[in-house]
């Protein structure tokens, strides 16, 4: 029993001495290489004499802290597979995939479809991973001012659905400003868009282009028959709107279909233009007939000396 205790104490003491020697050697030699520490972490001076590496013997993954052009504490780097994967510069700039980040976090990749991943590892519908933006405010606290929120809508196998929302803060209240549904419909000011773009509010734009087909230039084609004004009058009296136009109730319920409305208005205008042209021709004929009648009346008066 005493022999076993003695042996254990000897092994423990040897390990402690070995560890102390490793640390002392590193300190006393000024980052001189510490070798032959099997399956241990090694601190060594890089071949350039400017860096300190922390790694497992015979490994290609290690932590590097060192100098740049002789200036200490310029960067901290993590290597895997012999390549630098993560860099932290003196100003706190952090790079993933880049050794020269220019922002607090910069991610660089040369591979298509590389992505940043945020994962929520519990199944909760209408919840999901997100990004929160915070800022220091007047009372000295760091407060949430906006963010991006993903939501799980359907988690069943083969039918996974999710949505994405961008939100802001207005007078400390959370405002869901933009919502993108699982089918790609986007809402601004509404969380339940039913169109590719639904806006609950006013829109100001320099120009809006509406694509349309079957534009009513055919009204001016030869052989196009325009309905009579009498029929148009009867239609208006019966329906209280022009042919082809949405009713007031339809617009209140479904909204105004801008492209279709402009097309139908143009069609009605072109048909009315044809009516005006026809009326103008008839007026000219009437004027000619009236002028002829006046001449004939004058001739009769002259002959009869009236």
C-alpha atoms as a PDB file:
ATOM      1  CA  UNK A   1       0.000   0.000   0.000  1.00  0.00           C
ATOM      2  CA  UNK A   2       2.827   2.399   0.903  1.00  0.00           C
ATOM      3  CA  UNK A   3       4.503   1.506  -2.341  1.00  0.00           C
ATOM      4  CA  UNK A   4       1.408   2.431  -4.355  1.00  0.00           C
ATOM      5  CA  UNK A   5       1.040   5.775  -2.520  1.00  0.00           C
ATOM      6  CA  UNK A   6       4.699   6.558  -3.067  1.00  0.00           C
ATOM      7  CA  UNK A   7       4.470   5.753  -6.775  1.00  0.00           C
ATOM      8  CA  UNK A   8       1.400   7.975  -7.225  1.00  0.00           C
ATOM      9  CA  UNK A   9       3.059  10.867  -5.410  1.00  0.00           C
ATOM     10  CA  UNK A  10       6.141  10.475  -7.562  1.00  0.00           C
ATOM     11  CA  UNK A  11       4.111  10.603 -10.793  1.00  0.00           C
ATOM     12  CA  UNK A  12       2.164  13.660  -9.603  1.00  0.00           C
ATOM     13  CA  UNK A  13       5.350  15.473  -8.613  1.00  0.00           C
ATOM     14  CA  UNK A  14       6.933  14.655 -11.950  1.00  0.00           C
ATOM     15  CA  UNK A  15       3.964  16.086 -13.826  1.00  0.00           C
ATOM     16  CA  UNK A  16       4.030  19.292 -11.785  1.00  0.00           C
ATOM     17  CA  UNK A  17       7.756  19.716 -12.289  1.00  0.00           C
ATOM     18  CA  UNK A  18       7.358  19.096 -16.000  1.00  0.00           C
ATOM     19  CA  UNK A  19       4.608  21.727 -16.238  1.00  0.00           C
ATOM     20  CA  UNK A  20       6.655  24.204 -14.194  1.00  0.00           C
ATOM     21  CA  UNK A  21       9.656  23.641 -16.403  1.00  0.00           C
ATOM     22  CA  UNK A  22       7.582  24.275 -19.496  1.00  0.00           C
ATOM     23  CA  UNK A  23       6.278  27.607 -18.236  1.00  0.00           C
ATOM     24  CA  UNK A  24       9.652  28.633 -16.816  1.00  0.00           C
ATOM     25  CA  UNK A  25      11.404  27.741 -20.025  1.00  0.00           C
ATOM     26  CA  UNK A  26       8.970  29.864 -22.020  1.00  0.00           C
ATOM     27  CA  UNK A  27       9.465  32.825 -19.695  1.00  0.00           C
ATOM     28  CA  UNK A  28      13.211  32.585 -19.190  1.00  0.00           C
ATOM     29  CA  UNK A  29      14.088  31.942 -22.803  1.00  0.00           C
ATOM     30  CA  UNK A  30      11.920  34.769 -24.093  1.00  0.00           C
ATOM     31  CA  UNK A  31       9.508  32.641 -26.135  1.00  0.00           C
ATOM     32  CA  UNK A  32      12.087  30.015 -27.021  1.00  0.00           C
ATOM     33  CA  UNK A  33      10.610  26.841 -28.474  1.00  0.00           C
ATOM     34  CA  UNK A  34       9.502  24.234 -25.948  1.00  0.00           C
ATOM     35  CA  UNK A  35       9.704  20.816 -27.574  1.00  0.00           C
ATOM     36  CA  UNK A  36       9.097  17.155 -26.838  1.00  0.00           C
ATOM     37  CA  UNK A  37       5.980  17.684 -24.745  1.00  0.00           C
ATOM     38  CA  UNK A  38       3.890  14.837 -26.103  1.00  0.00           C
ATOM     39  CA  UNK A  39       0.154  15.539 -26.656  1.00  0.00           C
ATOM     40  CA  UNK A  40       0.482  18.840 -24.827  1.00  0.00           C
ATOM     41  CA  UNK A  41      -0.080  22.468 -25.673  1.00  0.00           C
ATOM     42  CA  UNK A  42       3.156  24.082 -26.812  1.00  0.00           C
ATOM     43  CA  UNK A  43       4.125  27.746 -26.667  1.00  0.00           C
ATOM     44  CA  UNK A  44       6.799  28.608 -29.168  1.00  0.00           C
ATOM     45  CA  UNK A  45       8.362  31.497 -30.961  1.00  0.00           C
ATOM     46  CA  UNK A  46       7.567  31.579 -34.659  1.00  0.00           C
ATOM     47  CA  UNK A  47      10.422  31.356 -37.149  1.00  0.00           C
ATOM     48  CA  UNK A  48      10.095  35.078 -37.880  1.00  0.00           C
ATOM     49  CA  UNK A  49      10.752  35.925 -34.235  1.00  0.00           C
ATOM     50  CA  UNK A  50       7.689  38.215 -34.215  1.00  0.00           C
ATOM     51  CA  UNK A  51       4.899  35.919 -33.066  1.00  0.00           C
ATOM     52  CA  UNK A  52       3.964  33.512 -30.318  1.00  0.00           C
ATOM     53  CA  UNK A  53       2.066  30.359 -31.279  1.00  0.00           C
ATOM     54  CA  UNK A  54      -0.063  28.179 -29.023  1.00  0.00           C
ATOM     55  CA  UNK A  55      -0.804  24.775 -30.486  1.00  0.00           C
ATOM     56  CA  UNK A  56      -0.836  21.012 -30.010  1.00  0.00           C
ATOM     57  CA  UNK A  57       2.339  19.270 -31.077  1.00  0.00           C
ATOM     58  CA  UNK A  58       2.282  18.114 -34.740  1.00  0.00           C
ATOM     59  CA  UNK A  59      -0.977  19.965 -35.292  1.00  0.00           C
ATOM     60  CA  UNK A  60      -1.879  22.495 -38.014  1.00  0.00           C
ATOM     61  CA  UNK A  61      -4.428  24.369 -35.916  1.00  0.00           C
ATOM     62  CA  UNK A  62      -3.181  26.937 -33.440  1.00  0.00           C
ATOM     63  CA  UNK A  63      -3.653  30.323 -31.802  1.00  0.00           C
ATOM     64  CA  UNK A  64      -1.240  33.078 -32.755  1.00  0.00           C
ATOM     65  CA  UNK A  65      -0.579  36.314 -30.862  1.00  0.00           C
ATOM     66  CA  UNK A  66       2.188  38.553 -32.029  1.00  0.00           C
ATOM     67  CA  UNK A  67       3.730  41.625 -33.478  1.00  0.00           C
ATOM     68  CA  UNK A  68       3.482  43.448 -36.765  1.00  0.00           C
ATOM     69  CA  UNK A  69       6.655  45.191 -37.908  1.00  0.00           C
ATOM     70  CA  UNK A  70       8.040  44.955 -34.416  1.00  0.00           C
ATOM     71  CA  UNK A  71       5.011  46.550 -32.719  1.00  0.00           C
ATOM     72  CA  UNK A  72       3.484  44.243 -30.076  1.00  0.00           C
ATOM     73  CA  UNK A  73      -0.177  43.301 -29.581  1.00  0.00           C
ATOM     74  CA  UNK A  74      -1.267  44.098 -33.125  1.00  0.00           C
ATOM     75  CA  UNK A  75      -3.362  41.025 -33.749  1.00  0.00           C
ATOM     76  CA  UNK A  76      -4.703  37.728 -32.499  1.00  0.00           C
ATOM     77  CA  UNK A  77      -5.298  34.995 -35.053  1.00  0.00           C
ATOM     78  CA  UNK A  78      -6.796  31.512 -35.111  1.00  0.00           C
ATOM     79  CA  UNK A  79      -5.477  28.988 -37.627  1.00  0.00           C
ATOM     80  CA  UNK A  80      -7.100  25.725 -38.677  1.00  0.00           C
ATOM     81  CA  UNK A  81      -5.688  23.367 -41.263  1.00  0.00           C
ATOM     82  CA  UNK A  82      -2.678  25.647 -41.539  1.00  0.00           C
ATOM     83  CA  UNK A  83      -4.747  28.629 -42.765  1.00  0.00           C
ATOM     84  CA  UNK A  84      -5.718  31.779 -40.888  1.00  0.00           C
ATOM     85  CA  UNK A  85      -9.482  31.691 -40.283  1.00  0.00           C
ATOM     86  CA  UNK A  86     -10.110  34.396 -37.651  1.00  0.00           C
ATOM     87  CA  UNK A  87      -8.217  37.665 -37.142  1.00  0.00           C
ATOM     88  CA  UNK A  88      -8.650  40.236 -34.395  1.00  0.00           C
ATOM     89  CA  UNK A  89      -6.700  43.463 -34.922  1.00  0.00           C
ATOM     90  CA  UNK A  90      -5.563  45.976 -32.312  1.00  0.00           C
ATOM     91  CA  UNK A  91      -8.542  48.285 -32.940  1.00  0.00           C
ATOM     92  CA  UNK A  92     -10.962  45.465 -32.180  1.00  0.00           C
ATOM     93  CA  UNK A  93     -11.718  44.859 -35.852  1.00  0.00           C
ATOM     94  CA  UNK A  94     -12.529  41.174 -36.359  1.00  0.00           C
ATOM     95  CA  UNK A  95     -12.236  39.320 -39.626  1.00  0.00           C
ATOM     96  CA  UNK A  96     -13.486  35.896 -40.626  1.00  0.00           C
ATOM     97  CA  UNK A  97     -11.917  34.790 -43.882  1.00  0.00           C
ATOM     98  CA  UNK A  98      -9.923  38.034 -44.093  1.00  0.00           C
ATOM     99  CA  UNK A  99      -6.727  39.093 -42.351  1.00  0.00           C
ATOM    100  CA  UNK A 100      -7.386  42.819 -42.810  1.00  0.00           C
ATOM    101  CA  UNK A 101     -10.903  43.640 -41.551  1.00  0.00           C
ATOM    102  CA  UNK A 102     -11.947  47.309 -41.690  1.00  0.00           C
ATOM    103  CA  UNK A 103     -15.114  47.010 -39.588  1.00  0.00           C
ATOM    104  CA  UNK A 104     -15.950  45.556 -36.173  1.00  0.00           C
ATOM    105  CA  UNK A 105     -16.968  42.311 -37.919  1.00  0.00           C
ATOM    106  CA  UNK A 106     -16.114  41.522 -41.516  1.00  0.00           C
ATOM    107  CA  UNK A 107     -16.800  38.175 -43.166  1.00  0.00           C
ATOM    108  CA  UNK A 108     -15.174  37.327 -46.491  1.00  0.00           C
ATOM    109  CA  UNK A 109     -15.557  34.240 -48.651  1.00  0.00           C
ATOM    110  CA  UNK A 110     -14.643  33.198 -52.131  1.00  0.00           C
ATOM    111  CA  UNK A 111     -17.173  30.381 -52.228  1.00  0.00           C
ATOM    112  CA  UNK A 112     -20.683  30.822 -53.639  1.00  0.00           C
ATOM    113  CA  UNK A 113     -23.584  30.431 -51.229  1.00  0.00           C
ATOM    114  CA  UNK A 114     -21.457  30.622 -48.074  1.00  0.00           C
ATOM    115  CA  UNK A 115     -23.741  31.939 -45.349  1.00  0.00           C
ATOM    116  CA  UNK A 116     -23.790  33.185 -41.791  1.00  0.00           C
ATOM    117  CA  UNK A 117     -25.887  30.869 -39.654  1.00  0.00           C
ATOM    118  CA  UNK A 118     -28.138  31.717 -36.700  1.00  0.00           C
ATOM    119  CA  UNK A 119     -29.912  28.659 -35.311  1.00  0.00           C
ATOM    120  CA  UNK A 120     -32.764  28.239 -32.832  1.00  0.00           C
ATOM    121  CA  UNK A 121     -32.625  24.621 -31.625  1.00  0.00           C
ATOM    122  CA  UNK A 122     -36.188  24.383 -30.246  1.00  0.00           C
ATOM    123  CA  UNK A 123     -39.428  24.069 -32.222  1.00  0.00           C
ATOM    124  CA  UNK A 124     -41.673  27.023 -31.412  1.00  0.00           C
ATOM    125  CA  UNK A 125     -44.055  28.299 -34.058  1.00  0.00           C
ATOM    126  CA  UNK A 126     -43.988  32.022 -34.882  1.00  0.00           C
ATOM    127  CA  UNK A 127     -40.584  32.295 -33.209  1.00  0.00           C
ATOM    128  CA  UNK A 128     -37.064  31.937 -34.547  1.00  0.00           C
ATOM    129  CA  UNK A 129     -33.505  33.245 -34.633  1.00  0.00           C
ATOM    130  CA  UNK A 130     -32.885  36.927 -35.171  1.00  0.00           C
ATOM    131  CA  UNK A 131     -30.513  39.851 -34.958  1.00  0.00           C
ATOM    132  CA  UNK A 132     -30.960  42.693 -32.448  1.00  0.00           C
ATOM    133  CA  UNK A 133     -29.454  46.170 -32.844  1.00  0.00           C
ATOM    134  CA  UNK A 134     -28.802  48.124 -29.647  1.00  0.00           C
ATOM    135  CA  UNK A 135     -27.540  51.612 -28.882  1.00  0.00           C
ATOM    136  CA  UNK A 136     -26.503  53.613 -25.846  1.00  0.00           C
ATOM    137  CA  UNK A 137     -29.293  56.071 -24.900  1.00  0.00           C
ATOM    138  CA  UNK A 138     -29.587  59.142 -22.684  1.00  0.00           C
ATOM    139  CA  UNK A 139     -30.199  57.275 -19.408  1.00  0.00           C
ATOM    140  CA  UNK A 140     -26.921  55.394 -19.825  1.00  0.00           C
ATOM    141  CA  UNK A 141     -28.472  52.044 -20.751  1.00  0.00           C
ATOM    142  CA  UNK A 142     -27.936  50.090 -23.933  1.00  0.00           C
ATOM    143  CA  UNK A 143     -31.356  49.734 -25.515  1.00  0.00           C
ATOM    144  CA  UNK A 144     -32.787  47.792 -28.435  1.00  0.00           C
ATOM    145  CA  UNK A 145     -33.503  50.110 -31.393  1.00  0.00           C
ATOM    146  CA  UNK A 146     -34.325  47.613 -34.149  1.00  0.00           C
ATOM    147  CA  UNK A 147     -33.674  44.193 -35.554  1.00  0.00           C
ATOM    148  CA  UNK A 148     -34.403  41.340 -37.918  1.00  0.00           C
ATOM    149  CA  UNK A 149     -36.608  38.455 -36.841  1.00  0.00           C
ATOM    150  CA  UNK A 150     -37.142  35.074 -38.528  1.00  0.00           C
ATOM    151  CA  UNK A 151     -40.226  33.024 -37.656  1.00  0.00           C
ATOM    152  CA  UNK A 152     -41.004  29.341 -38.074  1.00  0.00           C
ATOM    153  CA  UNK A 153     -44.504  29.004 -39.559  1.00  0.00           C
ATOM    154  CA  UNK A 154     -44.578  25.297 -40.365  1.00  0.00           C
ATOM    155  CA  UNK A 155     -42.095  22.703 -39.152  1.00  0.00           C
ATOM    156  CA  UNK A 156     -43.572  19.540 -40.641  1.00  0.00           C
ATOM    157  CA  UNK A 157     -41.264  17.351 -42.708  1.00  0.00           C
ATOM    158  CA  UNK A 158     -41.163  18.431 -46.346  1.00  0.00           C
ATOM    159  CA  UNK A 159     -43.377  21.448 -45.678  1.00  0.00           C
ATOM    160  CA  UNK A 160     -41.139  23.801 -43.693  1.00  0.00           C
ATOM    161  CA  UNK A 161     -42.217  27.439 -43.968  1.00  0.00           C
ATOM    162  CA  UNK A 162     -40.711  30.579 -42.496  1.00  0.00           C
ATOM    163  CA  UNK A 163     -41.099  34.344 -42.628  1.00  0.00           C
ATOM    164  CA  UNK A 164     -38.796  37.288 -42.074  1.00  0.00           C
ATOM    165  CA  UNK A 165     -39.540  40.639 -40.422  1.00  0.00           C
ATOM    166  CA  UNK A 166     -37.608  43.877 -40.076  1.00  0.00           C
ATOM    167  CA  UNK A 167     -38.645  45.936 -37.095  1.00  0.00           C
ATOM    168  CA  UNK A 168     -37.851  49.339 -35.604  1.00  0.00           C
ATOM    169  CA  UNK A 169     -38.628  51.158 -32.373  1.00  0.00           C
ATOM    170  CA  UNK A 170     -40.958  54.172 -32.251  1.00  0.00           C
ATOM    171  CA  UNK A 171     -41.401  55.868 -28.857  1.00  0.00           C
ATOM    172  CA  UNK A 172     -40.061  52.633 -27.286  1.00  0.00           C
ATOM    173  CA  UNK A 173     -42.766  50.553 -29.011  1.00  0.00           C
ATOM    174  CA  UNK A 174     -41.748  47.770 -31.393  1.00  0.00           C
ATOM    175  CA  UNK A 175     -42.905  48.462 -34.965  1.00  0.00           C
ATOM    176  CA  UNK A 176     -42.872  45.595 -37.467  1.00  0.00           C
ATOM    177  CA  UNK A 177     -41.975  47.717 -40.477  1.00  0.00           C
ATOM    178  CA  UNK A 178     -41.397  45.130 -43.226  1.00  0.00           C
ATOM    179  CA  UNK A 179     -42.681  41.560 -43.404  1.00  0.00           C
ATOM    180  CA  UNK A 180     -41.752  38.926 -45.991  1.00  0.00           C
ATOM    181  CA  UNK A 181     -44.054  35.894 -46.000  1.00  0.00           C
ATOM    182  CA  UNK A 182     -43.053  32.360 -46.909  1.00  0.00           C
ATOM    183  CA  UNK A 183     -44.372  32.771 -50.485  1.00  0.00           C
ATOM    184  CA  UNK A 184     -42.343  35.948 -51.033  1.00  0.00           C
ATOM    185  CA  UNK A 185     -45.213  38.420 -50.563  1.00  0.00           C
ATOM    186  CA  UNK A 186     -43.848  41.572 -48.924  1.00  0.00           C
ATOM    187  CA  UNK A 187     -45.718  43.975 -46.682  1.00  0.00           C
ATOM    188  CA  UNK A 188     -44.717  47.480 -45.606  1.00  0.00           C
ATOM    189  CA  UNK A 189     -46.824  48.609 -42.682  1.00  0.00           C
ATOM    190  CA  UNK A 190     -48.783  45.348 -42.773  1.00  0.00           C
ATOM    191  CA  UNK A 191     -47.887  41.937 -41.341  1.00  0.00           C
ATOM    192  CA  UNK A 192     -50.232  39.996 -43.621  1.00  0.00           C
ATOM    193  CA  UNK A 193     -49.551  40.985 -47.244  1.00  0.00           C
ATOM    194  CA  UNK A 194     -51.565  39.210 -49.928  1.00  0.00           C
ATOM    195  CA  UNK A 195     -49.671  40.639 -52.911  1.00  0.00           C
ATOM    196  CA  UNK A 196     -46.020  40.680 -53.955  1.00  0.00           C
ATOM    197  CA  UNK A 197     -45.865  44.191 -52.472  1.00  0.00           C
ATOM    198  CA  UNK A 198     -48.531  45.486 -50.094  1.00  0.00           C
ATOM    199  CA  UNK A 199     -48.149  48.963 -48.595  1.00  0.00           C
ATOM    200  CA  UNK A 200     -50.344  50.233 -45.780  1.00  0.00           C
ATOM    201  CA  UNK A 201     -49.723  53.943 -46.270  1.00  0.00           C
ATOM    202  CA  UNK A 202     -48.786  56.551 -48.845  1.00  0.00           C
ATOM    203  CA  UNK A 203     -46.220  56.038 -51.606  1.00  0.00           C
ATOM    204  CA  UNK A 204     -44.221  58.794 -53.272  1.00  0.00           C
ATOM    205  CA  UNK A 205     -42.243  58.042 -56.410  1.00  0.00           C
ATOM    206  CA  UNK A 206     -40.669  59.839 -59.354  1.00  0.00           C
ATOM    207  CA  UNK A 207     -42.166  57.334 -61.742  1.00  0.00           C
ATOM    208  CA  UNK A 208     -44.189  54.129 -61.664  1.00  0.00           C
ATOM    209  CA  UNK A 209     -44.061  51.733 -64.593  1.00  0.00           C
ATOM    210  CA  UNK A 210     -47.006  49.361 -64.995  1.00  0.00           C
ATOM    211  CA  UNK A 211     -46.654  46.515 -67.460  1.00  0.00           C
ATOM    212  CA  UNK A 212     -49.822  45.667 -69.364  1.00  0.00           C
ATOM    213  CA  UNK A 213     -50.984  43.615 -72.342  1.00  0.00           C
ATOM    214  CA  UNK A 214     -53.752  44.080 -74.916  1.00  0.00           C
ATOM    215  CA  UNK A 215     -53.373  47.868 -74.870  1.00  0.00           C
ATOM    216  CA  UNK A 216     -56.496  49.372 -76.526  1.00  0.00           C
ATOM    217  CA  UNK A 217     -54.900  50.732 -79.694  1.00  0.00           C
ATOM    218  CA  UNK A 218     -57.236  48.286 -81.449  1.00  0.00           C
ATOM    219  CA  UNK A 219     -60.012  50.852 -80.989  1.00  0.00           C
ATOM    220  CA  UNK A 220     -58.530  52.832 -83.901  1.00  0.00           C
ATOM    221  CA  UNK A 221     -58.182  49.809 -86.165  1.00  0.00           C
ATOM    222  CA  UNK A 222     -60.317  49.671 -89.299  1.00  0.00           C
ATOM    223  CA  UNK A 223     -63.521  47.747 -88.717  1.00  0.00           C
ATOM    224  CA  UNK A 224     -63.727  48.411 -84.963  1.00  0.00           C
ATOM    225  CA  UNK A 225     -67.329  49.078 -84.086  1.00  0.00           C
ATOM    226  CA  UNK A 226     -68.028  51.674 -81.452  1.00  0.00           C
ATOM    227  CA  UNK A 227     -71.283  51.365 -79.562  1.00  0.00           C
ATOM    228  CA  UNK A 228     -73.836  54.094 -79.923  1.00  0.00           C
ATOM    229  CA  UNK A 229     -74.146  56.926 -77.435  1.00  0.00           C
ATOM    230  CA  UNK A 230     -77.706  55.812 -76.798  1.00  0.00           C
ATOM    231  CA  UNK A 231     -76.504  52.416 -75.635  1.00  0.00           C
ATOM    232  CA  UNK A 232     -73.803  54.063 -73.535  1.00  0.00           C
ATOM    233  CA  UNK A 233     -76.404  56.269 -71.896  1.00  0.00           C
ATOM    234  CA  UNK A 234     -78.581  53.258 -71.085  1.00  0.00           C
ATOM    235  CA  UNK A 235     -75.613  51.399 -69.569  1.00  0.00           C
ATOM    236  CA  UNK A 236     -74.646  54.354 -67.377  1.00  0.00           C
ATOM    237  CA  UNK A 237     -78.214  54.787 -66.131  1.00  0.00           C
ATOM    238  CA  UNK A 238     -78.437  51.096 -65.231  1.00  0.00           C
ATOM    239  CA  UNK A 239     -74.958  50.597 -63.699  1.00  0.00           C
ATOM    240  CA  UNK A 240     -73.876  54.073 -62.555  1.00  0.00           C
ATOM    241  CA  UNK A 241     -70.377  53.688 -64.038  1.00  0.00           C
ATOM    242  CA  UNK A 242     -68.680  53.421 -67.426  1.00  0.00           C
ATOM    243  CA  UNK A 243     -68.357  50.011 -69.136  1.00  0.00           C
ATOM    244  CA  UNK A 244     -65.417  47.901 -67.994  1.00  0.00           C
ATOM    245  CA  UNK A 245     -64.753  49.958 -64.870  1.00  0.00           C
ATOM    246  CA  UNK A 246     -64.673  48.638 -61.294  1.00  0.00           C
ATOM    247  CA  UNK A 247     -67.600  49.575 -59.131  1.00  0.00           C
ATOM    248  CA  UNK A 248     -67.188  51.655 -55.981  1.00  0.00           C
ATOM    249  CA  UNK A 249     -67.874  48.588 -53.808  1.00  0.00           C
ATOM    250  CA  UNK A 250     -65.280  46.516 -55.667  1.00  0.00           C
ATOM    251  CA  UNK A 251     -62.618  49.194 -55.159  1.00  0.00           C
ATOM    252  CA  UNK A 252     -63.461  49.545 -51.465  1.00  0.00           C
ATOM    253  CA  UNK A 253     -63.173  45.769 -50.999  1.00  0.00           C
ATOM    254  CA  UNK A 254     -60.417  44.727 -53.415  1.00  0.00           C
ATOM    255  CA  UNK A 255     -58.605  47.980 -54.132  1.00  0.00           C
ATOM    256  CA  UNK A 256     -57.957  49.768 -57.400  1.00  0.00           C
ATOM    257  CA  UNK A 257     -56.291  47.709 -60.138  1.00  0.00           C
ATOM    258  CA  UNK A 258     -54.141  50.509 -61.515  1.00  0.00           C
ATOM    259  CA  UNK A 259     -52.992  48.871 -64.739  1.00  0.00           C
ATOM    260  CA  UNK A 260     -56.445  47.614 -65.684  1.00  0.00           C
ATOM    261  CA  UNK A 261     -58.050  50.925 -64.699  1.00  0.00           C
ATOM    262  CA  UNK A 262     -55.685  52.990 -66.883  1.00  0.00           C
ATOM    263  CA  UNK A 263     -56.214  50.610 -69.793  1.00  0.00           C
ATOM    264  CA  UNK A 264     -60.000  50.766 -69.500  1.00  0.00           C
ATOM    265  CA  UNK A 265     -60.018  54.553 -69.099  1.00  0.00           C
ATOM    266  CA  UNK A 266     -57.932  54.869 -72.257  1.00  0.00           C
ATOM    267  CA  UNK A 267     -60.308  52.541 -74.138  1.00  0.00           C
ATOM    268  CA  UNK A 268     -63.305  54.642 -73.100  1.00  0.00           C
ATOM    269  CA  UNK A 269     -61.481  57.842 -74.017  1.00  0.00           C
ATOM    270  CA  UNK A 270     -60.541  56.488 -77.443  1.00  0.00           C
ATOM    271  CA  UNK A 271     -64.138  55.417 -78.105  1.00  0.00           C
ATOM    272  CA  UNK A 272     -65.392  58.857 -77.029  1.00  0.00           C
ATOM    273  CA  UNK A 273     -62.783  60.384 -79.351  1.00  0.00           C
ATOM    274  CA  UNK A 274     -64.260  58.383 -82.246  1.00  0.00           C
ATOM    275  CA  UNK A 275     -67.708  59.660 -81.263  1.00  0.00           C
ATOM    276  CA  UNK A 276     -66.401  63.254 -81.271  1.00  0.00           C
ATOM    277  CA  UNK A 277     -64.818  62.776 -84.696  1.00  0.00           C
ATOM    278  CA  UNK A 278     -68.104  61.401 -86.019  1.00  0.00           C
ATOM    279  CA  UNK A 279     -70.069  64.276 -84.459  1.00  0.00           C
ATOM    280  CA  UNK A 280     -67.595  66.797 -85.925  1.00  0.00           C
ATOM    281  CA  UNK A 281     -68.107  65.335 -89.407  1.00  0.00           C
ATOM    282  CA  UNK A 282     -71.864  65.436 -88.970  1.00  0.00           C
ATOM    283  CA  UNK A 283     -71.665  69.046 -87.796  1.00  0.00           C
ATOM    284  CA  UNK A 284     -69.705  70.027 -90.892  1.00  0.00           C
ATOM    285  CA  UNK A 285     -72.284  68.339 -93.101  1.00  0.00           C
ATOM    286  CA  UNK A 286     -75.080  70.144 -91.275  1.00  0.00           C
ATOM    287  CA  UNK A 287     -73.284  73.461 -91.679  1.00  0.00           C
ATOM    288  CA  UNK A 288     -72.919  72.844 -95.408  1.00  0.00           C
ATOM    289  CA  UNK A 289     -76.585  71.918 -95.653  1.00  0.00           C
ATOM    290  CA  UNK A 290     -77.595  75.016 -93.702  1.00  0.00           C
ATOM    291  CA  UNK A 291     -75.415  77.241 -95.888  1.00  0.00           C
ATOM    292  CA  UNK A 292     -76.986  75.735 -99.027  1.00  0.00           C
ATOM    293  CA  UNK A 293     -80.474  76.263 -97.613  1.00  0.00           C
ATOM    294  CA  UNK A 294     -79.676  79.909 -96.795  1.00  0.00           C
ATOM    295  CA  UNK A 295     -78.392  80.506-100.311  1.00  0.00           C
ATOM    296  CA  UNK A 296     -81.488  78.933-101.800  1.00  0.00           C
ATOM    297  CA  UNK A 297     -83.734  81.028 -99.542  1.00  0.00           C
ATOM    298  CA  UNK A 298     -81.888  84.169-100.546  1.00  0.00           C
ATOM    299  CA  UNK A 299     -82.270  83.242-104.216  1.00  0.00           C
ATOM    300  CA  UNK A 300     -86.031  82.757-103.725  1.00  0.00           C
ATOM    301  CA  UNK A 301     -86.317  86.084-101.930  1.00  0.00           C
ATOM    302  CA  UNK A 302     -84.411  87.828-104.689  1.00  0.00           C
ATOM    303  CA  UNK A 303     -86.562  86.322-107.444  1.00  0.00           C
ATOM    304  CA  UNK A 304     -89.771  87.151-105.671  1.00  0.00           C
ATOM    305  CA  UNK A 305     -88.439  90.497-104.444  1.00  0.00           C
ATOM    306  CA  UNK A 306     -89.465  89.774-100.956  1.00  0.00           C
END
